[in-house]
N, C-alpha and C. Protein backbone atom coordinates (compact mmCIF):
# COMPACT_ATOMS: atom_id res chain seq x y z
N MET A 1 5.59 10.47 45.66
CA MET A 1 3.67 10.51 45.12
C MET A 1 4.59 10.89 43.56
N ARG A 2 4.17 10.33 42.39
CA ARG A 2 4.70 10.29 41.18
C ARG A 2 3.23 11.22 40.48
N HIS A 3 2.50 12.22 41.26
CA HIS A 3 0.92 12.76 40.19
C HIS A 3 1.99 14.10 39.35
N LYS A 4 1.25 13.76 38.22
CA LYS A 4 1.70 14.49 36.75
C LYS A 4 2.97 14.87 36.77
N CYS A 5 3.49 13.50 36.07
CA CYS A 5 4.88 13.18 36.01
C CYS A 5 4.68 12.29 34.51
N GLY A 6 3.68 13.21 33.38
CA GLY A 6 3.67 12.57 32.25
C GLY A 6 3.24 11.22 31.71
N PHE A 7 4.07 10.59 31.55
CA PHE A 7 4.20 9.33 30.61
C PHE A 7 4.80 8.23 31.20
N ARG A 8 4.38 7.11 31.04
CA ARG A 8 5.52 5.85 31.32
C ARG A 8 6.67 5.20 30.93
N LYS A 9 8.20 5.57 31.44
CA LYS A 9 9.06 5.37 31.08
C LYS A 9 9.30 4.15 30.20
N LEU A 10 8.92 3.25 31.20
CA LEU A 10 9.00 1.54 30.59
C LEU A 10 10.14 0.95 30.83
N SER A 11 11.57 1.62 31.59
CA SER A 11 12.90 1.34 31.60
C SER A 11 13.64 1.44 30.87
N ARG A 12 13.51 2.43 29.44
CA ARG A 12 13.84 2.22 27.87
C ARG A 12 14.85 3.75 28.09
N SER A 13 15.44 4.19 26.59
CA SER A 13 15.76 5.17 26.67
C SER A 13 14.63 5.63 25.92
N SER A 14 14.21 7.32 25.80
CA SER A 14 13.25 7.95 24.67
C SER A 14 13.84 7.26 23.34
N SER A 15 14.73 7.09 22.70
CA SER A 15 14.32 6.45 21.24
C SER A 15 14.09 5.14 21.45
N HIS A 16 14.89 4.28 22.38
CA HIS A 16 14.27 2.54 22.35
C HIS A 16 12.75 3.10 22.52
N ARG A 17 12.08 3.82 23.61
CA ARG A 17 10.67 4.00 23.14
C ARG A 17 9.94 4.19 22.75
N ALA A 18 10.14 5.40 21.65
CA ALA A 18 9.40 5.68 20.23
C ALA A 18 9.71 4.07 19.43
N ALA A 19 10.70 3.95 19.30
CA ALA A 19 10.60 2.39 18.49
C ALA A 19 9.91 1.50 19.11
N LEU A 20 9.59 1.05 20.18
CA LEU A 20 8.81 0.68 20.45
C LEU A 20 7.31 0.17 20.43
N PHE A 21 6.63 1.71 20.38
CA PHE A 21 5.86 2.29 20.18
C PHE A 21 5.47 1.95 18.59
N ARG A 22 6.46 2.58 17.73
CA ARG A 22 6.53 2.44 16.46
C ARG A 22 6.17 0.73 15.82
N SER A 23 7.13 -0.16 16.82
CA SER A 23 6.63 -1.33 16.29
C SER A 23 5.83 -1.94 16.64
N LEU A 24 5.40 -1.58 17.85
CA LEU A 24 3.56 -2.16 18.65
C LEU A 24 2.79 -1.98 17.99
N ALA A 25 2.93 -0.56 17.13
CA ALA A 25 1.68 0.43 16.32
C ALA A 25 1.53 -0.88 14.75
N THR A 26 2.27 -0.57 14.80
CA THR A 26 2.80 -1.69 13.53
C THR A 26 2.30 -3.08 13.18
N SER A 27 2.65 -3.86 14.24
CA SER A 27 1.70 -4.64 14.32
C SER A 27 0.60 -5.38 14.83
N LEU A 28 -0.05 -3.75 15.64
CA LEU A 28 -1.60 -3.74 16.35
C LEU A 28 -2.18 -3.29 15.03
N ILE A 29 -2.20 -2.64 13.88
CA ILE A 29 -2.50 -3.07 12.40
C ILE A 29 -2.65 -3.79 11.43
N ARG A 30 -0.95 -4.36 11.67
CA ARG A 30 -1.09 -5.72 10.71
C ARG A 30 -2.23 -6.96 10.89
N HIS A 31 -2.61 -7.29 12.53
CA HIS A 31 -2.59 -8.52 13.06
C HIS A 31 -4.52 -8.17 13.64
N GLY A 32 -4.23 -6.90 13.68
CA GLY A 32 -5.74 -6.20 14.71
C GLY A 32 -6.15 -6.58 15.70
N GLU A 33 -4.79 -7.23 16.49
CA GLU A 33 -4.91 -6.83 17.99
C GLU A 33 -3.47 -7.90 18.50
N ILE A 34 -3.05 -7.99 19.24
CA ILE A 34 -2.22 -8.37 20.18
C ILE A 34 -1.91 -8.12 21.84
N GLU A 35 -0.83 -8.84 22.12
CA GLU A 35 -0.90 -9.21 23.85
C GLU A 35 0.18 -8.99 23.99
N THR A 36 0.33 -8.02 24.47
CA THR A 36 1.54 -7.05 25.52
C THR A 36 0.96 -7.22 26.77
N THR A 37 1.99 -6.55 27.61
CA THR A 37 1.66 -5.99 28.88
C THR A 37 0.65 -4.92 28.76
N VAL A 38 -0.42 -4.92 30.00
CA VAL A 38 -0.77 -4.02 30.32
C VAL A 38 0.05 -2.28 30.08
N GLU A 39 0.94 -2.24 31.01
CA GLU A 39 1.38 -1.00 30.92
C GLU A 39 1.71 -0.31 29.25
N LYS A 40 2.79 -1.45 28.38
CA LYS A 40 2.79 -1.04 26.78
C LYS A 40 0.93 -0.57 26.41
N ALA A 41 0.30 -1.64 26.98
CA ALA A 41 -1.21 -1.45 25.87
C ALA A 41 -1.67 0.34 26.81
N LYS A 42 -1.15 0.35 27.79
CA LYS A 42 -2.23 1.46 27.35
C LYS A 42 -1.23 2.67 27.26
N GLU A 43 0.15 3.22 26.90
CA GLU A 43 0.64 3.46 26.45
C GLU A 43 0.78 3.76 24.97
N LEU A 44 0.41 2.45 24.71
CA LEU A 44 -0.03 2.37 22.76
C LEU A 44 -1.14 2.71 22.63
N ARG A 45 -1.90 3.00 23.32
CA ARG A 45 -3.50 3.51 22.71
C ARG A 45 -3.36 4.59 22.23
N PRO A 46 -3.23 6.23 23.09
CA PRO A 46 -3.17 7.25 22.35
C PRO A 46 -2.04 7.44 20.78
N VAL A 47 -0.53 6.65 21.13
CA VAL A 47 -0.49 6.52 19.60
C VAL A 47 -0.81 5.88 18.49
N ALA A 48 -1.82 4.18 18.81
CA ALA A 48 -2.60 4.00 17.58
C ALA A 48 -3.58 5.00 17.70
N GLU A 49 -4.23 5.52 18.36
CA GLU A 49 -4.87 6.21 18.14
C GLU A 49 -4.76 7.47 17.21
N LYS A 50 -4.28 7.87 17.60
CA LYS A 50 -3.60 9.28 16.90
C LYS A 50 -3.34 8.29 15.00
N LEU A 51 -3.23 7.78 15.07
CA LEU A 51 -2.60 7.27 13.28
C LEU A 51 -3.96 6.36 12.53
N ILE A 52 -4.98 6.27 13.71
CA ILE A 52 -6.33 5.90 12.93
C ILE A 52 -7.20 7.27 12.87
N THR A 53 -6.37 8.43 13.69
CA THR A 53 -7.52 9.56 13.37
C THR A 53 -6.97 10.09 11.76
N LEU A 54 -6.12 9.96 11.37
CA LEU A 54 -4.89 10.42 10.69
C LEU A 54 -5.62 9.39 9.35
N ALA A 55 -5.54 8.45 9.42
CA ALA A 55 -6.52 7.71 7.95
C ALA A 55 -7.83 7.96 7.49
N LYS A 56 -8.82 8.41 8.83
CA LYS A 56 -10.25 8.63 8.78
C LYS A 56 -10.07 9.20 7.78
N GLU A 57 -9.46 10.35 6.43
CA GLU A 57 -9.56 11.31 5.84
C GLU A 57 -8.10 11.23 4.65
N ASP A 58 -8.44 10.11 3.92
CA ASP A 58 -7.48 9.90 2.22
C ASP A 58 -6.95 10.80 2.01
N THR A 59 -6.04 11.53 2.66
CA THR A 59 -4.96 12.57 1.70
C THR A 59 -3.91 12.48 1.98
N VAL A 60 -3.15 13.36 0.67
CA VAL A 60 -1.97 12.72 0.79
C VAL A 60 -0.85 12.92 1.89
N HIS A 61 -1.02 13.89 2.14
CA HIS A 61 -0.47 14.96 3.54
C HIS A 61 -0.60 13.95 4.84
N HIS A 62 -1.65 12.98 5.05
CA HIS A 62 -1.58 12.32 5.86
C HIS A 62 -1.19 10.92 5.98
N ARG A 63 -1.30 10.64 4.30
CA ARG A 63 -0.78 9.58 4.06
C ARG A 63 1.29 9.49 4.61
N ARG A 64 1.57 10.75 3.94
CA ARG A 64 2.81 11.24 4.29
C ARG A 64 3.27 10.84 5.84
N ARG A 65 2.25 11.57 5.93
CA ARG A 65 2.42 11.78 8.41
C ARG A 65 2.65 10.39 8.37
N ALA A 66 1.59 9.26 7.98
CA ALA A 66 1.35 8.29 8.29
C ALA A 66 2.83 7.13 7.79
N TYR A 67 3.33 7.60 6.81
CA TYR A 67 4.86 6.52 6.60
C TYR A 67 5.65 6.99 7.23
N SER A 68 6.15 8.34 7.64
CA SER A 68 6.39 9.21 8.48
C SER A 68 6.95 8.34 9.35
N TYR A 69 5.41 7.91 10.27
CA TYR A 69 5.68 6.87 11.42
C TYR A 69 6.16 5.24 11.46
N ILE A 70 4.79 5.31 10.95
CA ILE A 70 5.28 3.76 10.03
C ILE A 70 6.15 3.00 8.56
N TYR A 71 6.46 2.66 8.80
CA TYR A 71 7.52 2.12 7.88
C TYR A 71 7.28 0.88 6.75
N ASP A 72 6.05 0.17 7.08
CA ASP A 72 5.68 -0.50 6.40
C ASP A 72 5.06 0.00 5.31
N LYS A 73 4.91 -0.69 3.90
CA LYS A 73 4.52 0.40 3.51
C LYS A 73 2.65 -0.56 3.19
N GLU A 74 2.54 -1.50 3.44
CA GLU A 74 1.37 -2.71 3.56
C GLU A 74 0.75 -2.72 4.84
N VAL A 75 1.45 -1.94 5.76
CA VAL A 75 0.59 -1.84 6.92
C VAL A 75 0.16 -0.53 6.26
N VAL A 76 0.63 0.10 6.04
CA VAL A 76 0.10 2.10 6.11
C VAL A 76 -1.36 1.72 4.70
N GLN A 77 -0.60 1.01 3.81
CA GLN A 77 -2.36 0.81 3.45
C GLN A 77 -2.76 0.18 3.75
N LYS A 78 -2.73 -0.96 4.44
CA LYS A 78 -4.32 -1.15 4.93
C LYS A 78 -4.96 -0.45 6.39
N LEU A 79 -4.04 0.44 7.41
CA LEU A 79 -3.93 1.06 7.43
C LEU A 79 -5.62 2.69 7.31
N PHE A 80 -5.13 2.35 5.83
CA PHE A 80 -6.20 3.70 4.90
C PHE A 80 -6.73 3.20 4.43
N ASN A 81 -7.16 1.98 3.88
CA ASN A 81 -7.83 1.57 3.32
C ASN A 81 -8.77 0.54 4.14
N GLN A 82 -8.46 0.02 5.16
CA GLN A 82 -9.47 -0.84 5.60
C GLN A 82 -9.89 -0.04 6.77
N VAL A 83 -9.10 0.25 8.58
CA VAL A 83 -9.13 0.51 8.79
C VAL A 83 -9.56 2.04 9.20
N GLY A 84 -8.98 2.90 8.28
CA GLY A 84 -9.78 4.11 8.86
C GLY A 84 -11.01 4.30 8.09
N PRO A 85 -11.39 3.87 7.21
CA PRO A 85 -12.59 4.08 7.12
C PRO A 85 -14.07 3.07 7.72
N ASN A 86 -13.47 2.16 8.45
CA ASN A 86 -15.02 1.53 9.18
C ASN A 86 -14.95 2.34 10.47
N PHE A 87 -13.91 3.27 10.88
CA PHE A 87 -14.12 4.13 12.13
C PHE A 87 -14.72 5.52 11.50
N LYS A 88 -14.91 5.99 10.33
CA LYS A 88 -15.23 6.95 9.79
C LYS A 88 -16.03 7.86 10.72
N ASP A 89 -17.48 7.10 11.23
CA ASP A 89 -18.69 8.22 11.61
C ASP A 89 -18.01 8.10 13.33
N ARG A 90 -16.93 7.61 13.82
CA ARG A 90 -16.73 7.16 15.09
C ARG A 90 -15.69 8.99 15.51
N PRO A 91 -16.03 8.87 16.72
CA PRO A 91 -15.39 10.19 17.63
C PRO A 91 -14.05 10.16 17.92
N GLY A 92 -13.56 8.37 17.77
CA GLY A 92 -12.71 8.23 19.18
C GLY A 92 -12.94 7.28 19.51
N GLY A 93 -11.62 6.62 20.68
CA GLY A 93 -12.28 5.51 21.11
C GLY A 93 -11.85 3.59 20.18
N TYR A 94 -11.34 3.69 19.90
CA TYR A 94 -11.46 2.78 18.18
C TYR A 94 -10.31 1.94 19.12
N LEU A 95 -9.86 1.47 20.32
CA LEU A 95 -9.14 0.82 20.75
C LEU A 95 -9.70 0.37 21.74
N ARG A 96 -9.55 -1.12 22.64
CA ARG A 96 -10.16 -1.29 23.70
C ARG A 96 -8.99 -2.30 23.85
N ILE A 97 -8.68 -2.95 25.31
CA ILE A 97 -7.56 -3.15 26.61
C ILE A 97 -8.31 -4.27 27.61
N VAL A 98 -7.92 -5.29 27.65
CA VAL A 98 -8.94 -6.28 28.44
C VAL A 98 -7.27 -7.02 28.97
N ARG A 99 -7.25 -7.17 30.25
CA ARG A 99 -6.35 -7.67 30.52
C ARG A 99 -6.90 -9.11 30.44
N THR A 100 -5.54 -9.75 30.69
CA THR A 100 -6.28 -11.67 29.83
C THR A 100 -5.12 -12.55 31.51
N ARG A 101 -4.05 -12.19 31.50
CA ARG A 101 -3.46 -13.36 32.13
C ARG A 101 -2.11 -12.66 33.39
N LEU A 102 -1.75 -13.41 33.78
CA LEU A 102 -0.05 -13.34 34.47
C LEU A 102 0.79 -14.27 33.72
N ARG A 103 1.79 -13.20 33.49
CA ARG A 103 3.11 -14.41 32.82
C ARG A 103 3.38 -14.85 32.95
N ALA A 104 4.24 -15.99 32.54
CA ALA A 104 4.20 -17.03 33.27
C ALA A 104 6.02 -16.80 34.25
N GLY A 105 6.85 -16.31 33.42
CA GLY A 105 8.10 -15.84 33.50
C GLY A 105 7.96 -15.06 34.79
N ASP A 106 7.82 -13.60 34.63
CA ASP A 106 7.78 -12.38 35.94
C ASP A 106 6.33 -12.69 36.40
N ASN A 107 5.46 -13.16 35.99
CA ASN A 107 3.98 -12.61 37.22
C ASN A 107 3.67 -11.69 36.70
N ALA A 108 4.08 -10.47 35.20
CA ALA A 108 3.24 -9.50 34.42
C ALA A 108 2.20 -9.86 33.73
N GLU A 109 1.21 -8.59 34.40
CA GLU A 109 0.27 -8.63 34.20
C GLU A 109 -0.22 -8.54 32.35
N MET A 110 -0.51 -9.35 31.78
CA MET A 110 -1.22 -9.34 30.28
C MET A 110 -2.40 -8.70 29.98
N ALA A 111 -2.43 -7.97 28.35
CA ALA A 111 -3.64 -7.66 27.85
C ALA A 111 -3.40 -7.92 26.62
N ILE A 112 -4.70 -7.77 25.89
CA ILE A 112 -4.84 -7.91 24.27
C ILE A 112 -5.22 -6.59 23.73
N ILE A 113 -4.69 -6.52 23.38
CA ILE A 113 -5.21 -5.09 22.64
C ILE A 113 -5.72 -4.66 21.51
N SER A 114 -7.04 -4.32 20.91
CA SER A 114 -7.55 -4.41 19.73
C SER A 114 -8.60 -3.79 19.32
N PHE A 115 -9.52 -3.99 18.13
CA PHE A 115 -10.10 -3.00 17.63
C PHE A 115 -11.23 -2.78 18.21
N VAL A 116 -12.03 -1.94 17.99
CA VAL A 116 -13.41 -2.37 18.92
C VAL A 116 -14.63 -2.42 18.12
N ALA A 117 -14.31 -1.94 16.37
CA ALA A 117 -15.26 -2.72 15.53
C ALA A 117 -14.94 -3.58 15.00
N ASP A 118 -15.79 -4.82 14.72
CA ASP A 118 -15.74 -6.65 14.27
C ASP A 118 -15.22 -6.35 12.79
N LYS A 119 -15.73 -5.04 11.93
CA LYS A 119 -15.56 -5.32 10.49
C LYS A 119 -13.90 -5.17 10.19
N VAL A 120 -12.73 -4.60 11.28
CA VAL A 120 -11.34 -4.81 10.55
C VAL A 120 -10.93 -6.40 10.83
N ALA A 121 -10.37 -6.24 9.86
CA ALA A 121 -9.93 -7.91 9.72
C ALA A 121 -8.93 -8.51 10.75
N LYS A 122 -9.23 -9.58 11.51
CA LYS A 122 -8.29 -9.66 12.07
C LYS A 122 -7.16 -11.46 11.67
N ALA A 123 -5.91 -11.20 11.91
CA ALA A 123 -5.36 -12.41 11.78
C ALA A 123 -5.26 -12.80 13.28
N PRO A 124 -4.26 -14.34 13.31
CA PRO A 124 -4.22 -14.57 15.10
C PRO A 124 -3.94 -13.65 15.75
N VAL A 125 -3.99 -14.26 16.43
CA VAL A 125 -3.02 -12.80 17.96
C VAL A 125 -1.36 -12.90 17.99
N ALA A 126 -0.68 -12.10 17.53
CA ALA A 126 0.75 -12.16 17.72
C ALA A 126 1.14 -11.24 18.61
N LYS A 127 1.81 -12.74 19.93
CA LYS A 127 2.62 -11.86 21.07
C LYS A 127 3.44 -10.89 20.62
N VAL A 128 3.51 -9.70 20.75
CA VAL A 128 4.76 -9.03 21.00
C VAL A 128 4.92 -8.68 22.43
N VAL A 129 5.80 -8.79 23.06
CA VAL A 129 6.69 -8.92 24.82
C VAL A 129 7.87 -7.80 24.59
């Protein structure tokens, strides 16, 4: 039994896992929704929701904390100018995960993770594997 053993390690080292979530969060904010495996989407949700909570209040300190996690300046601008204000009155639960299909190569279960609010600008779905 694997009860209370923390989080999914996703067969990666800690630095690789951190880089993966940094990249997934950047892509999610840039495109509005991404398609990835269910396990990665479930682990990405708390990471991205903390960034959105930071963006609800636009201060220099919060922007610097976001820049320390997301290295793309344009994505941080979008996070604080578009995404954060749309969730100003919402206390949490900013993302939804919808299971979509089984991947052809390895039969992994895929899901689309996207923002709950329809006001957030979306680009076409970016497939991140």
